[in-house]
Amino acid sequence: CIVSSLQDGMNLVAKEYVASQVDRNGVLMLSLFAGAAEAMEDALHIN
């Protein structure tokens, strides 16, 4: 799942993806500029 926000207060898509990953097969790619990146340290952060 790729979240590529240039500026985002939070971005709930990142959290929806993680909550739905019941098989734990996926990788969250999360922009450094989404608010969610601050708490989701185990995401693969992107610029």
ModelCIF file with pLDDT and N, C-alpha, C, O atoms, coordinates in Angstrom:
data_MODEL
#
_entry.id   MODEL 
#
_entity.id                         1 
_entity.type                       polymer 
_entity.pdbx_number_of_molecules   1 
#
_entity_poly.entity_id                      1 
_entity_poly.type                           'polypeptide(L)' 
_entity_poly.nstd_linkage                   no 
_entity_poly.nstd_monomer                   no 
_entity_poly.pdbx_seq_one_letter_code       CIVSSLQDGMNLVAKEYVASQVDRNGVLMLSLFAGAAEAMEDALHIN 
_entity_poly.pdbx_seq_one_letter_code_can   CIVSSLQDGMNLVAKEYVASQVDRNGVLMLSLFAGAAEAMEDALHIN 
_entity_poly.pdbx_strand_id                 A 
#
loop_
_entity_poly_seq.entity_id 
_entity_poly_seq.num 
_entity_poly_seq.mon_id 
_entity_poly_seq.hetero 
1 1  CYS n 
1 2  ILE n 
1 3  VAL n 
1 4  SER n 
1 5  SER n 
1 6  LEU n 
1 7  GLN n 
1 8  ASP n 
1 9  GLY n 
1 10 MET n 
1 11 ASN n 
1 12 LEU n 
1 13 VAL n 
1 14 ALA n 
1 15 LYS n 
1 16 GLU n 
1 17 TYR n 
1 18 VAL n 
1 19 ALA n 
1 20 SER n 
1 21 GLN n 
1 22 VAL n 
1 23 ASP n 
1 24 ARG n 
1 25 ASN n 
1 26 GLY n 
1 27 VAL n 
1 28 LEU n 
1 29 MET n 
1 30 LEU n 
1 31 SER n 
1 32 LEU n 
1 33 PHE n 
1 34 ALA n 
1 35 GLY n 
1 36 ALA n 
1 37 ALA n 
1 38 GLU n 
1 39 ALA n 
1 40 MET n 
1 41 GLU n 
1 42 ASP n 
1 43 ALA n 
1 44 LEU n 
1 45 HIS n 
1 46 ILE n 
1 47 ASN n 
#
_struct_asym.id          A 
_struct_asym.entity_id   1 
#
loop_
_ma_qa_metric.id 
_ma_qa_metric.mode 
_ma_qa_metric.name 
_ma_qa_metric.software_group_id 
_ma_qa_metric.type 
1 global pLDDT . pLDDT 
2 local  pLDDT . pLDDT 
#
_ma_qa_metric_global.metric_id      1 
_ma_qa_metric_global.metric_value   97.17 
_ma_qa_metric_global.model_id       1 
_ma_qa_metric_global.ordinal_id     1 
#
loop_
_ma_qa_metric_local.label_asym_id 
_ma_qa_metric_local.label_comp_id 
_ma_qa_metric_local.label_seq_id 
_ma_qa_metric_local.metric_id 
_ma_qa_metric_local.metric_value 
_ma_qa_metric_local.model_id 
_ma_qa_metric_local.ordinal_id 
A CYS 1  2 98.00 1 1  
A ILE 2  2 98.00 1 2  
A VAL 3  2 98.00 1 3  
A SER 4  2 98.00 1 4  
A SER 5  2 98.00 1 5  
A LEU 6  2 98.00 1 6  
A GLN 7  2 97.00 1 7  
A ASP 8  2 96.00 1 8  
A GLY 9  2 94.00 1 9  
A MET 10 2 95.00 1 10 
A ASN 11 2 94.00 1 11 
A LEU 12 2 95.00 1 12 
A VAL 13 2 97.00 1 13 
A ALA 14 2 98.00 1 14 
A LYS 15 2 97.00 1 15 
A GLU 16 2 97.00 1 16 
A TYR 17 2 98.00 1 17 
A VAL 18 2 98.00 1 18 
A ALA 19 2 98.00 1 19 
A SER 20 2 98.00 1 20 
A GLN 21 2 98.00 1 21 
A VAL 22 2 98.00 1 22 
A ASP 23 2 98.00 1 23 
A ARG 24 2 98.00 1 24 
A ASN 25 2 97.00 1 25 
A GLY 26 2 98.00 1 26 
A VAL 27 2 98.00 1 27 
A LEU 28 2 98.00 1 28 
A MET 29 2 98.00 1 29 
A LEU 30 2 98.00 1 30 
A SER 31 2 98.00 1 31 
A LEU 32 2 98.00 1 32 
A PHE 33 2 98.00 1 33 
A ALA 34 2 97.00 1 34 
A GLY 35 2 96.00 1 35 
A ALA 36 2 97.00 1 36 
A ALA 37 2 97.00 1 37 
A GLU 38 2 94.00 1 38 
A ALA 39 2 93.00 1 39 
A MET 40 2 97.00 1 40 
A GLU 41 2 96.00 1 41 
A ASP 42 2 97.00 1 42 
A ALA 43 2 98.00 1 43 
A LEU 44 2 98.00 1 44 
A HIS 45 2 98.00 1 45 
A ILE 46 2 98.00 1 46 
A ASN 47 2 98.00 1 47 
#
loop_
_atom_site.group_PDB 
_atom_site.id 
_atom_site.type_symbol 
_atom_site.label_atom_id 
_atom_site.label_alt_id 
_atom_site.label_comp_id 
_atom_site.label_asym_id 
_atom_site.label_entity_id 
_atom_site.label_seq_id 
_atom_site.pdbx_PDB_ins_code 
_atom_site.Cartn_x 
_atom_site.Cartn_y 
_atom_site.Cartn_z 
_atom_site.occupancy 
_atom_site.B_iso_or_equiv 
_atom_site.pdbx_formal_charge 
_atom_site.auth_seq_id 
_atom_site.auth_comp_id 
_atom_site.auth_asym_id 
_atom_site.auth_atom_id 
_atom_site.pdbx_PDB_model_num 
ATOM 1   N N  . CYS A 1 1  ? 0.873  -1.178  0.000  1.00 98.00 ? 1  CYS A N  1 
ATOM 2   C CA . CYS A 1 1  ? 0.000  0.000   0.000  1.00 98.00 ? 1  CYS A CA 1 
ATOM 3   C C  . CYS A 1 1  ? 0.907  1.224   0.000  1.00 98.00 ? 1  CYS A C  1 
ATOM 4   O O  . CYS A 1 1  ? 1.788  1.349   0.850  1.00 98.00 ? 1  CYS A O  1 
ATOM 5   N N  . ILE A 1 2  ? 0.688  2.130   -0.959 1.00 98.00 ? 2  ILE A N  1 
ATOM 6   C CA . ILE A 1 2  ? 1.539  3.312   -1.080 1.00 98.00 ? 2  ILE A CA 1 
ATOM 7   C C  . ILE A 1 2  ? 0.736  4.558   -0.715 1.00 98.00 ? 2  ILE A C  1 
ATOM 8   O O  . ILE A 1 2  ? -0.257 4.886   -1.364 1.00 98.00 ? 2  ILE A O  1 
ATOM 9   N N  . VAL A 1 3  ? 1.183  5.243   0.330  1.00 98.00 ? 3  VAL A N  1 
ATOM 10  C CA . VAL A 1 3  ? 0.619  6.528   0.754  1.00 98.00 ? 3  VAL A CA 1 
ATOM 11  C C  . VAL A 1 3  ? 1.691  7.570   0.462  1.00 98.00 ? 3  VAL A C  1 
ATOM 12  O O  . VAL A 1 3  ? 2.744  7.581   1.099  1.00 98.00 ? 3  VAL A O  1 
ATOM 13  N N  . SER A 1 4  ? 1.419  8.451   -0.510 1.00 98.00 ? 4  SER A N  1 
ATOM 14  C CA . SER A 1 4  ? 2.454  9.357   -1.022 1.00 98.00 ? 4  SER A CA 1 
ATOM 15  C C  . SER A 1 4  ? 2.157  10.820  -0.726 1.00 98.00 ? 4  SER A C  1 
ATOM 16  O O  . SER A 1 4  ? 2.539  11.694  -1.506 1.00 98.00 ? 4  SER A O  1 
ATOM 17  N N  . SER A 1 5  ? 1.491  11.100  0.370  1.00 98.00 ? 5  SER A N  1 
ATOM 18  C CA . SER A 1 5  ? 1.077  12.468  0.687  1.00 98.00 ? 5  SER A CA 1 
ATOM 19  C C  . SER A 1 5  ? 2.255  13.436  0.687  1.00 98.00 ? 5  SER A C  1 
ATOM 20  O O  . SER A 1 5  ? 3.337  13.128  1.188  1.00 98.00 ? 5  SER A O  1 
ATOM 21  N N  . LEU A 1 6  ? 2.015  14.620  0.109  1.00 98.00 ? 6  LEU A N  1 
ATOM 22  C CA . LEU A 1 6  ? 3.010  15.687  0.157  1.00 98.00 ? 6  LEU A CA 1 
ATOM 23  C C  . LEU A 1 6  ? 2.895  16.491  1.439  1.00 98.00 ? 6  LEU A C  1 
ATOM 24  O O  . LEU A 1 6  ? 3.868  17.089  1.899  1.00 98.00 ? 6  LEU A O  1 
ATOM 25  N N  . GLN A 1 7  ? 1.706  16.504  2.010  1.00 97.00 ? 7  GLN A N  1 
ATOM 26  C CA . GLN A 1 7  ? 1.433  17.130  3.306  1.00 97.00 ? 7  GLN A CA 1 
ATOM 27  C C  . GLN A 1 7  ? 0.073  16.631  3.753  1.00 97.00 ? 7  GLN A C  1 
ATOM 28  O O  . GLN A 1 7  ? -0.915 16.796  3.038  1.00 97.00 ? 7  GLN A O  1 
ATOM 29  N N  . ASP A 1 8  ? 0.014  16.021  4.929  1.00 96.00 ? 8  ASP A N  1 
ATOM 30  C CA . ASP A 1 8  ? -1.235 15.411  5.383  1.00 96.00 ? 8  ASP A CA 1 
ATOM 31  C C  . ASP A 1 8  ? -1.328 15.534  6.890  1.00 96.00 ? 8  ASP A C  1 
ATOM 32  O O  . ASP A 1 8  ? -0.357 15.283  7.603  1.00 96.00 ? 8  ASP A O  1 
ATOM 33  N N  . GLY A 1 9  ? -2.518 15.926  7.379  1.00 94.00 ? 9  GLY A N  1 
ATOM 34  C CA . GLY A 1 9  ? -2.697 16.029  8.823  1.00 94.00 ? 9  GLY A CA 1 
ATOM 35  C C  . GLY A 1 9  ? -2.470 14.699  9.514  1.00 94.00 ? 9  GLY A C  1 
ATOM 36  O O  . GLY A 1 9  ? -1.757 14.634  10.515 1.00 94.00 ? 9  GLY A O  1 
ATOM 37  N N  . MET A 1 10 ? -3.077 13.623  8.983  1.00 95.00 ? 10 MET A N  1 
ATOM 38  C CA . MET A 1 10 ? -2.886 12.300  9.535  1.00 95.00 ? 10 MET A CA 1 
ATOM 39  C C  . MET A 1 10 ? -2.744 11.261  8.430  1.00 95.00 ? 10 MET A C  1 
ATOM 40  O O  . MET A 1 10 ? -1.678 10.662  8.290  1.00 95.00 ? 10 MET A O  1 
ATOM 41  N N  . ASN A 1 11 ? -3.768 11.038  7.659  1.00 94.00 ? 11 ASN A N  1 
ATOM 42  C CA . ASN A 1 11 ? -3.944 10.018  6.624  1.00 94.00 ? 11 ASN A CA 1 
ATOM 43  C C  . ASN A 1 11 ? -4.380 8.703   7.271  1.00 94.00 ? 11 ASN A C  1 
ATOM 44  O O  . ASN A 1 11 ? -3.572 7.952   7.817  1.00 94.00 ? 11 ASN A O  1 
ATOM 45  N N  . LEU A 1 12 ? -5.679 8.457   7.187  1.00 95.00 ? 12 LEU A N  1 
ATOM 46  C CA . LEU A 1 12 ? -6.262 7.272   7.795  1.00 95.00 ? 12 LEU A CA 1 
ATOM 47  C C  . LEU A 1 12 ? -6.176 6.044   6.899  1.00 95.00 ? 12 LEU A C  1 
ATOM 48  O O  . LEU A 1 12 ? -6.387 4.928   7.374  1.00 95.00 ? 12 LEU A O  1 
ATOM 49  N N  . VAL A 1 13 ? -5.871 6.221   5.614  1.00 97.00 ? 13 VAL A N  1 
ATOM 50  C CA . VAL A 1 13 ? -5.714 5.072   4.722  1.00 97.00 ? 13 VAL A CA 1 
ATOM 51  C C  . VAL A 1 13 ? -4.614 4.153   5.242  1.00 97.00 ? 13 VAL A C  1 
ATOM 52  O O  . VAL A 1 13 ? -4.750 2.930   5.195  1.00 97.00 ? 13 VAL A O  1 
ATOM 53  N N  . ALA A 1 14 ? -3.529 4.737   5.736  1.00 98.00 ? 14 ALA A N  1 
ATOM 54  C CA . ALA A 1 14 ? -2.438 3.928   6.275  1.00 98.00 ? 14 ALA A CA 1 
ATOM 55  C C  . ALA A 1 14 ? -2.934 3.030   7.404  1.00 98.00 ? 14 ALA A C  1 
ATOM 56  O O  . ALA A 1 14 ? -2.550 1.863   7.487  1.00 98.00 ? 14 ALA A O  1 
ATOM 57  N N  . LYS A 1 15 ? -3.777 3.567   8.264  1.00 97.00 ? 15 LYS A N  1 
ATOM 58  C CA . LYS A 1 15 ? -4.286 2.797   9.402  1.00 97.00 ? 15 LYS A CA 1 
ATOM 59  C C  . LYS A 1 15 ? -5.331 1.777   8.955  1.00 97.00 ? 15 LYS A C  1 
ATOM 60  O O  . LYS A 1 15 ? -5.397 0.675   9.500  1.00 97.00 ? 15 LYS A O  1 
ATOM 61  N N  . GLU A 1 16 ? -6.151 2.141   7.960  1.00 97.00 ? 16 GLU A N  1 
ATOM 62  C CA . GLU A 1 16 ? -7.134 1.197   7.426  1.00 97.00 ? 16 GLU A CA 1 
ATOM 63  C C  . GLU A 1 16 ? -6.439 -0.010  6.810  1.00 97.00 ? 16 GLU A C  1 
ATOM 64  O O  . GLU A 1 16 ? -6.885 -1.145  6.982  1.00 97.00 ? 16 GLU A O  1 
ATOM 65  N N  . TYR A 1 17 ? -5.359 0.233   6.101  1.00 98.00 ? 17 TYR A N  1 
ATOM 66  C CA . TYR A 1 17 ? -4.610 -0.868  5.481  1.00 98.00 ? 17 TYR A CA 1 
ATOM 67  C C  . TYR A 1 17 ? -4.049 -1.807  6.544  1.00 98.00 ? 17 TYR A C  1 
ATOM 68  O O  . TYR A 1 17 ? -4.176 -3.026  6.429  1.00 98.00 ? 17 TYR A O  1 
ATOM 69  N N  . VAL A 1 18 ? -3.441 -1.251  7.558  1.00 98.00 ? 18 VAL A N  1 
ATOM 70  C CA . VAL A 1 18 ? -2.849 -2.075  8.623  1.00 98.00 ? 18 VAL A CA 1 
ATOM 71  C C  . VAL A 1 18 ? -3.936 -2.877  9.338  1.00 98.00 ? 18 VAL A C  1 
ATOM 72  O O  . VAL A 1 18 ? -3.744 -4.063  9.608  1.00 98.00 ? 18 VAL A O  1 
ATOM 73  N N  . ALA A 1 19 ? -5.064 -2.256  9.645  1.00 98.00 ? 19 ALA A N  1 
ATOM 74  C CA . ALA A 1 19 ? -6.142 -2.956  10.341 1.00 98.00 ? 19 ALA A CA 1 
ATOM 75  C C  . ALA A 1 19 ? -6.702 -4.104  9.505  1.00 98.00 ? 19 ALA A C  1 
ATOM 76  O O  . ALA A 1 19 ? -7.136 -5.117  10.052 1.00 98.00 ? 19 ALA A O  1 
ATOM 77  N N  . SER A 1 20 ? -6.694 -3.948  8.179  1.00 98.00 ? 20 SER A N  1 
ATOM 78  C CA . SER A 1 20 ? -7.279 -4.958  7.285  1.00 98.00 ? 20 SER A CA 1 
ATOM 79  C C  . SER A 1 20 ? -6.308 -6.076  6.942  1.00 98.00 ? 20 SER A C  1 
ATOM 80  O O  . SER A 1 20 ? -6.711 -7.081  6.357  1.00 98.00 ? 20 SER A O  1 
ATOM 81  N N  . GLN A 1 21 ? -5.046 -5.922  7.291  1.00 98.00 ? 21 GLN A N  1 
ATOM 82  C CA . GLN A 1 21 ? -4.018 -6.901  6.920  1.00 98.00 ? 21 GLN A CA 1 
ATOM 83  C C  . GLN A 1 21 ? -4.008 -8.079  7.893  1.00 98.00 ? 21 GLN A C  1 
ATOM 84  O O  . GLN A 1 21 ? -3.034 -8.299  8.613  1.00 98.00 ? 21 GLN A O  1 
ATOM 85  N N  . VAL A 1 22 ? -5.100 -8.825  7.901  1.00 98.00 ? 22 VAL A N  1 
ATOM 86  C CA . VAL A 1 22 ? -5.234 -9.924  8.859  1.00 98.00 ? 22 VAL A CA 1 
ATOM 87  C C  . VAL A 1 22 ? -4.275 -11.072 8.550  1.00 98.00 ? 22 VAL A C  1 
ATOM 88  O O  . VAL A 1 22 ? -3.952 -11.858 9.441  1.00 98.00 ? 22 VAL A O  1 
ATOM 89  N N  . ASP A 1 23 ? -3.814 -11.182 7.296  1.00 98.00 ? 23 ASP A N  1 
ATOM 90  C CA . ASP A 1 23 ? -2.859 -12.237 6.933  1.00 98.00 ? 23 ASP A CA 1 
ATOM 91  C C  . ASP A 1 23 ? -1.416 -11.788 7.100  1.00 98.00 ? 23 ASP A C  1 
ATOM 92  O O  . ASP A 1 23 ? -0.496 -12.604 7.037  1.00 98.00 ? 23 ASP A O  1 
ATOM 93  N N  . ARG A 1 24 ? -1.217 -10.497 7.313  1.00 98.00 ? 24 ARG A N  1 
ATOM 94  C CA . ARG A 1 24 ? 0.116  -9.905  7.522  1.00 98.00 ? 24 ARG A CA 1 
ATOM 95  C C  . ARG A 1 24 ? 1.071  -10.208 6.370  1.00 98.00 ? 24 ARG A C  1 
ATOM 96  O O  . ARG A 1 24 ? 2.239  -10.534 6.579  1.00 98.00 ? 24 ARG A O  1 
ATOM 97  N N  . ASN A 1 25 ? 0.551  -10.095 5.160  1.00 97.00 ? 25 ASN A N  1 
ATOM 98  C CA . ASN A 1 25 ? 1.387  -10.332 3.983  1.00 97.00 ? 25 ASN A CA 1 
ATOM 99  C C  . ASN A 1 25 ? 1.870  -9.047  3.341  1.00 97.00 ? 25 ASN A C  1 
ATOM 100 O O  . ASN A 1 25 ? 2.734  -9.083  2.464  1.00 97.00 ? 25 ASN A O  1 
ATOM 101 N N  . GLY A 1 26 ? 1.325  -7.905  3.762  1.00 98.00 ? 26 GLY A N  1 
ATOM 102 C CA . GLY A 1 26 ? 1.565  -6.669  3.047  1.00 98.00 ? 26 GLY A CA 1 
ATOM 103 C C  . GLY A 1 26 ? 2.623  -5.779  3.672  1.00 98.00 ? 26 GLY A C  1 
ATOM 104 O O  . GLY A 1 26 ? 3.066  -5.988  4.801  1.00 98.00 ? 26 GLY A O  1 
ATOM 105 N N  . VAL A 1 27 ? 3.013  -4.770  2.888  1.00 98.00 ? 27 VAL A N  1 
ATOM 106 C CA . VAL A 1 27 ? 3.986  -3.769  3.336  1.00 98.00 ? 27 VAL A CA 1 
ATOM 107 C C  . VAL A 1 27 ? 3.355  -2.388  3.165  1.00 98.00 ? 27 VAL A C  1 
ATOM 108 O O  . VAL A 1 27 ? 2.863  -2.050  2.088  1.00 98.00 ? 27 VAL A O  1 
ATOM 109 N N  . LEU A 1 28 ? 3.374  -1.602  4.227  1.00 98.00 ? 28 LEU A N  1 
ATOM 110 C CA . LEU A 1 28 ? 2.882  -0.232  4.175  1.00 98.00 ? 28 LEU A CA 1 
ATOM 111 C C  . LEU A 1 28 ? 4.033  0.696   3.814  1.00 98.00 ? 28 LEU A C  1 
ATOM 112 O O  . LEU A 1 28 ? 5.033  0.770   4.529  1.00 98.00 ? 28 LEU A O  1 
ATOM 113 N N  . MET A 1 29 ? 3.884  1.409   2.690  1.00 98.00 ? 29 MET A N  1 
ATOM 114 C CA . MET A 1 29 ? 4.852  2.422   2.280  1.00 98.00 ? 29 MET A CA 1 
ATOM 115 C C  . MET A 1 29 ? 4.222  3.787   2.554  1.00 98.00 ? 29 MET A C  1 
ATOM 116 O O  . MET A 1 29 ? 3.215  4.149   1.947  1.00 98.00 ? 29 MET A O  1 
ATOM 117 N N  . LEU A 1 30 ? 4.819  4.528   3.461  1.00 98.00 ? 30 LEU A N  1 
ATOM 118 C CA . LEU A 1 30 ? 4.172  5.708   4.028  1.00 98.00 ? 30 LEU A CA 1 
ATOM 119 C C  . LEU A 1 30 ? 5.055  6.943   3.879  1.00 98.00 ? 30 LEU A C  1 
ATOM 120 O O  . LEU A 1 30 ? 6.220  6.947   4.275  1.00 98.00 ? 30 LEU A O  1 
ATOM 121 N N  . SER A 1 31 ? 4.473  7.986   3.300  1.00 98.00 ? 31 SER A N  1 
ATOM 122 C CA . SER A 1 31 ? 5.194  9.243   3.137  1.00 98.00 ? 31 SER A CA 1 
ATOM 123 C C  . SER A 1 31 ? 5.637  9.816   4.476  1.00 98.00 ? 31 SER A C  1 
ATOM 124 O O  . SER A 1 31 ? 4.911  9.767   5.469  1.00 98.00 ? 31 SER A O  1 
ATOM 125 N N  . LEU A 1 32 ? 6.849  10.360  4.474  1.00 98.00 ? 32 LEU A N  1 
ATOM 126 C CA . LEU A 1 32 ? 7.351  11.033  5.668  1.00 98.00 ? 32 LEU A CA 1 
ATOM 127 C C  . LEU A 1 32 ? 6.519  12.254  6.030  1.00 98.00 ? 32 LEU A C  1 
ATOM 128 O O  . LEU A 1 32 ? 6.588  12.745  7.156  1.00 98.00 ? 32 LEU A O  1 
ATOM 129 N N  . PHE A 1 33 ? 5.726  12.748  5.072  1.00 98.00 ? 33 PHE A N  1 
ATOM 130 C CA . PHE A 1 33 ? 4.992  13.990  5.272  1.00 98.00 ? 33 PHE A CA 1 
ATOM 131 C C  . PHE A 1 33 ? 3.523  13.760  5.610  1.00 98.00 ? 33 PHE A C  1 
ATOM 132 O O  . PHE A 1 33 ? 2.736  14.706  5.620  1.00 98.00 ? 33 PHE A O  1 
ATOM 133 N N  . ALA A 1 34 ? 3.151  12.524  5.884  1.00 97.00 ? 34 ALA A N  1 
ATOM 134 C CA . ALA A 1 34 ? 1.830  12.203  6.419  1.00 97.00 ? 34 ALA A CA 1 
ATOM 135 C C  . ALA A 1 34 ? 1.933  12.161  7.939  1.00 97.00 ? 34 ALA A C  1 
ATOM 136 O O  . ALA A 1 34 ? 2.895  11.623  8.487  1.00 97.00 ? 34 ALA A O  1 
ATOM 137 N N  . GLY A 1 35 ? 0.939  12.728  8.613  1.00 96.00 ? 35 GLY A N  1 
ATOM 138 C CA . GLY A 1 35 ? 0.984  12.736  10.070 1.00 96.00 ? 35 GLY A CA 1 
ATOM 139 C C  . GLY A 1 35 ? 1.102  11.351  10.672 1.00 96.00 ? 35 GLY A C  1 
ATOM 140 O O  . GLY A 1 35 ? 1.691  11.185  11.740 1.00 96.00 ? 35 GLY A O  1 
ATOM 141 N N  . ALA A 1 36 ? 0.542  10.346  9.992  1.00 97.00 ? 36 ALA A N  1 
ATOM 142 C CA . ALA A 1 36 ? 0.581  8.977   10.506 1.00 97.00 ? 36 ALA A CA 1 
ATOM 143 C C  . ALA A 1 36 ? 1.997  8.439   10.634 1.00 97.00 ? 36 ALA A C  1 
ATOM 144 O O  . ALA A 1 36 ? 2.237  7.521   11.419 1.00 97.00 ? 36 ALA A O  1 
ATOM 145 N N  . ALA A 1 37 ? 2.946  8.993   9.874  1.00 97.00 ? 37 ALA A N  1 
ATOM 146 C CA . ALA A 1 37 ? 4.315  8.485   9.892  1.00 97.00 ? 37 ALA A CA 1 
ATOM 147 C C  . ALA A 1 37 ? 4.975  8.644   11.254 1.00 97.00 ? 37 ALA A C  1 
ATOM 148 O O  . ALA A 1 37 ? 5.887  7.892   11.598 1.00 97.00 ? 37 ALA A O  1 
ATOM 149 N N  . GLU A 1 38 ? 4.517  9.618   12.028 1.00 94.00 ? 38 GLU A N  1 
ATOM 150 C CA . GLU A 1 38 ? 5.151  9.860   13.328 1.00 94.00 ? 38 GLU A CA 1 
ATOM 151 C C  . GLU A 1 38 ? 5.010  8.669   14.262 1.00 94.00 ? 38 GLU A C  1 
ATOM 152 O O  . GLU A 1 38 ? 5.946  8.347   14.993 1.00 94.00 ? 38 GLU A O  1 
ATOM 153 N N  . ALA A 1 39 ? 3.856  8.010   14.251 1.00 93.00 ? 39 ALA A N  1 
ATOM 154 C CA . ALA A 1 39 ? 3.620  6.882   15.151 1.00 93.00 ? 39 ALA A CA 1 
ATOM 155 C C  . ALA A 1 39 ? 3.876  5.528   14.481 1.00 93.00 ? 39 ALA A C  1 
ATOM 156 O O  . ALA A 1 39 ? 4.110  4.534   15.169 1.00 93.00 ? 39 ALA A O  1 
ATOM 157 N N  . MET A 1 40 ? 3.834  5.482   13.145 1.00 97.00 ? 40 MET A N  1 
ATOM 158 C CA . MET A 1 40 ? 3.959  4.196   12.433 1.00 97.00 ? 40 MET A CA 1 
ATOM 159 C C  . MET A 1 40 ? 5.401  4.005   11.984 1.00 97.00 ? 40 MET A C  1 
ATOM 160 O O  . MET A 1 40 ? 5.720  4.071   10.797 1.00 97.00 ? 40 MET A O  1 
ATOM 161 N N  . GLU A 1 41 ? 6.255  3.769   12.961 1.00 96.00 ? 41 GLU A N  1 
ATOM 162 C CA . GLU A 1 41 ? 7.688  3.677   12.710 1.00 96.00 ? 41 GLU A CA 1 
ATOM 163 C C  . GLU A 1 41 ? 8.079  2.441   11.908 1.00 96.00 ? 41 GLU A C  1 
ATOM 164 O O  . GLU A 1 41 ? 9.130  2.430   11.268 1.00 96.00 ? 41 GLU A O  1 
ATOM 165 N N  . ASP A 1 42 ? 7.252  1.404   11.934 1.00 97.00 ? 42 ASP A N  1 
ATOM 166 C CA . ASP A 1 42 ? 7.591  0.178   11.232 1.00 97.00 ? 42 ASP A CA 1 
ATOM 167 C C  . ASP A 1 42 ? 7.115  0.157   9.788  1.00 97.00 ? 42 ASP A C  1 
ATOM 168 O O  . ASP A 1 42 ? 7.286  -0.842  9.090  1.00 97.00 ? 42 ASP A O  1 
ATOM 169 N N  . ALA A 1 43 ? 6.515  1.262   9.333  1.00 98.00 ? 43 ALA A N  1 
ATOM 170 C CA . ALA A 1 43 ? 6.200  1.380   7.916  1.00 98.00 ? 43 ALA A CA 1 
ATOM 171 C C  . ALA A 1 43 ? 7.492  1.621   7.147  1.00 98.00 ? 43 ALA A C  1 
ATOM 172 O O  . ALA A 1 43 ? 8.499  2.034   7.723  1.00 98.00 ? 43 ALA A O  1 
ATOM 173 N N  . LEU A 1 44 ? 7.459  1.364   5.848  1.00 98.00 ? 44 LEU A N  1 
ATOM 174 C CA . LEU A 1 44 ? 8.581  1.670   4.976  1.00 98.00 ? 44 LEU A CA 1 
ATOM 175 C C  . LEU A 1 44 ? 8.401  3.120   4.525  1.00 98.00 ? 44 LEU A C  1 
ATOM 176 O O  . LEU A 1 44 ? 7.579  3.397   3.651  1.00 98.00 ? 44 LEU A O  1 
ATOM 177 N N  . HIS A 1 45 ? 9.151  4.032   5.105  1.00 98.00 ? 45 HIS A N  1 
ATOM 178 C CA . HIS A 1 45 ? 8.945  5.448   4.859  1.00 98.00 ? 45 HIS A CA 1 
ATOM 179 C C  . HIS A 1 45 ? 9.541  5.871   3.521  1.00 98.00 ? 45 HIS A C  1 
ATOM 180 O O  . HIS A 1 45 ? 10.612 5.414   3.122  1.00 98.00 ? 45 HIS A O  1 
ATOM 181 N N  . ILE A 1 46 ? 8.815  6.761   2.838  1.00 98.00 ? 46 ILE A N  1 
ATOM 182 C CA . ILE A 1 46 ? 9.253  7.235   1.529  1.00 98.00 ? 46 ILE A CA 1 
ATOM 183 C C  . ILE A 1 46 ? 9.188  8.748   1.480  1.00 98.00 ? 46 ILE A C  1 
ATOM 184 O O  . ILE A 1 46 ? 8.434  9.375   2.224  1.00 98.00 ? 46 ILE A O  1 
ATOM 185 N N  . ASN A 1 47 ? 9.991  9.328   0.592  1.00 98.00 ? 47 ASN A N  1 
ATOM 186 C CA . ASN A 1 47 ? 9.933  10.754  0.298  1.00 98.00 ? 47 ASN A CA 1 
ATOM 187 C C  . ASN A 1 47 ? 9.336  10.901  -1.104 1.00 98.00 ? 47 ASN A C  1 
ATOM 188 O O  . ASN A 1 47 ? 9.178  12.020  -1.593 1.00 98.00 ? 47 ASN A O  1 
#
